[in-house]
Amino acid sequence: MKEKMSESSFGFTSTSSTSKNVNFVAFDKDSPDAVVGRLVYFDIDVNGELYRSIGTVTSMLTENSLFSSGFEMASSRGLGAEVQSKDVRKSSIDIQAVFKRDEEGIWQQHGSALPTSPNTRAKVELLTESTVAEMLQDASYPTLGVFRGLQSANVPLSIPNFDSNRGAVHQIILGRSGGGKTAMAAMLLSAYMSHENHALFVIDPQGQWSNENGIPFSPQKFARGLGREVTVLRMSEDIRLPMETDIFGRMMDKLNLWSRFRRMGSENRGAFSREVAERIAKLSFKEYDSDPRELLAKIFKDIAYSASAISRIYASNDKQEQFRNELLQLAGEPIYNGEGEEQILTDEDYEDVENNWQNMLFAFKPLHSLFSSSNLSGGHRRPMGDMGKETGFMTEVFQVRGKNPTKPAPYVIVDMSPNVKLHAKAGLVKDDFGLAMQKVLDNADIKALMLQMILAEMKKASEVAFASAGGGNLNTQIVFDEAWRFAPEGRNTPEIEELATMLEGFALDTRKFGIGWTYILQSPADIKTGIWKQVSFVFSAYGLVGEDVRKLETLTDDVSQVDLYRQFISPAATGDYPFMVMGPISPLIFSTSPTFFNAFNTVHDFLEANKSWIQAITKRRGMSMITAEYMTSVLEKKEANSAVTENKEFAVGKDSEKPSSKPQTAVKKPVEAPKKEDKGILPGLPF
């Protein structure tokens, strides 16, 4: 006779169970449950106190007593209903979380193991939406997807804020192309906006987050919809780099700026670049902002007339004299022979001089622009750190914020890409300097040097803010896209290796300031070991294999759980986007065991599942509700391709697409689904 069961009833505990590992047998059902990957739970009474254990089913085993004497005996009886009726399905779970019910009937987190082993035949239930609501007391948590095999139950996530004494946490988002990594990053970034005092700072090497190309919805619009100030600062147009002698000299060397000079060895070229950089660094801001050709001509003249400088570039007298004459010729100064007679230049000489200038300026002009107060089209550049009377934008980002700020913390994106569309719009491509800027910003080593300067300014601004607030928490998250390019493990160019070492140091040092990092990359092998060891959460999309998966196993004692990741199926085949999260990201699983869920694949689902905290913020800020149409509508060309100079001062309300700041009755309505003709799905993307 079959035992009476509810819809969620699954089975009962079996023998040889421990306080950490529990064996169980599934109930005999006409149609077995699809349970692999599902969460199950059971309750036991210990000295009058009720404990509830949760675990994930990683595999199931079918046994049949008729086969115990061999297959021949089973065959002689016939492979029919009689054989099937003897099937027994069983498995085991490693307990991932244990709760204890208090006197008021509320489930409190207790630990990762029971105080004793369970009795046999304790009823095992499938985790359902109602069970989740009961255990969480209907508390509102951000969510990014649903439990695997349970489309009706959202996975509650304890999205950490960094405003406590515990400081910040670091996380990594992994996955091959097509696994939903970018969509997950966009949703996770948006979920962090549930903490209004949590600042978001994106380092965007390829321009994907600034222009939002290939991102299934607009985190920028979502941030504005929550009342946040959104600022996009482009390296090509908006940011003024601090003059750092060594880095400026190395950049000139990397650009092969002196290629038209007489044949210079790498050592001579490096020495000359340092001489130029040192003299430029001594100039006032006004002198530096002069015409690039006039600036270089002055520097060339100074070096030519400095015997000590020339001797540091070349050792032999002959080469010193030849190089001095070449510099003077470029500077437009007269050249004299050994008898004191001025050399007369021919038309061919003048043409050669002009060709040399054009070749140098093609690379030097965009480089010079990066350190100037204005960009190539004459627009204003804003310094990273405080410069004179002007406040650096790093100072605006890295500051201590209260628990209940009068306005939400900003969302800032630093675009490191060339932004070719903007150059074309400004007509800069016509004189080739737009293409020259592209050459500068597409150089991986130069970009690594720029990032070194960004990190240095970041550290300076954060330390000043931290100290001035008496140890106040900065509560800022830095999202670093394409991290594999700039924080790799193993040998690389000196510039990238230096940057990777800096990032490794930051992972160790910034947590106490309340600065956490989110790294987006394809493989765990692509990140330095020192960073990997500091990570609290790892979000893994489909596509990792071999050593990558084995590296994930180092993050948990429950290796059997990782076997579920190996069972992930390509989203291209199923339409589902499975994720495994290592680390205690959920209030239901707070041990090192992973959490599994299928990510939302429509904007509407994300908004609907998170509407409680979204509407709480929009109502408090007097904003209108956020809809899927608003989130997925294509950015206007002006917004996507402009330098956003009008928004650089962190001023709210300058974006025409931001929801109205006037209180409206619409905030009381449920989050709207997309209209029939706009399903909130963008072709070819996870959403």
Foldseek 3Di string as FASTA:
>chain_A
DFDDDDPFFFWWWDPPFKQFKTKTWGGDDPDHDPAAQFKKKFWDADPNWIKIWIFGHNDKDKDFPQCPVHPVSVVVVPDDPVRVVRIIIMDMTGTQFMWIQDPVRATDTDDRGHPTTGDTGGIMTTDAQVNVCSRVVVDAAAFFFARVPYRVHTFGFCLDFQQDQQFAFAEEEAADPQLFSLQSVLLSVLRNVLQQAFEEEEEALAQCLQLVPQHLWHSQQSCLQLQAFEAEFELQFAEAFAQDLLLQLVLCLVVVLQVLPPDADSQLSSLVSSQLSVVLNPDDLVLLQPDPLQSQLVSLLVQLPDPVSLCSNPPDPVVSLVSSVLSCVLSVHWDADPVGHTDDDDPVRVVSSVVSVVSNCLQVVSSSQNNHQGHPLGHGYAYQDDDVPGHHVLLLQQAFADSDHPGGHHYYYYYLALLLVLCVVSVVVVVPSSVSSRVSSVDLLSSLSSVVSNLVSNVVSLVVRCVVVVNGARRYEYEYEPVLSQQAPDDDPPSSVVSNVSVLVCLVPCRSNNYYYYYYDHAPNSHYPSNVVRHAKYKYKPDDDDPRLVVVCVQDPPNSLSVSNVVDDRCVVVLWNKIWMAHCGGPSRHHRRIRIGTGDQAPQVSCQSNVVSSLVSCQVQLFAHDELCLTRPNDDCCSSRPSSPVSSVSDRDPDPSRTDSHHDPRSVPHHDQDDPVCRRHDPPHSD
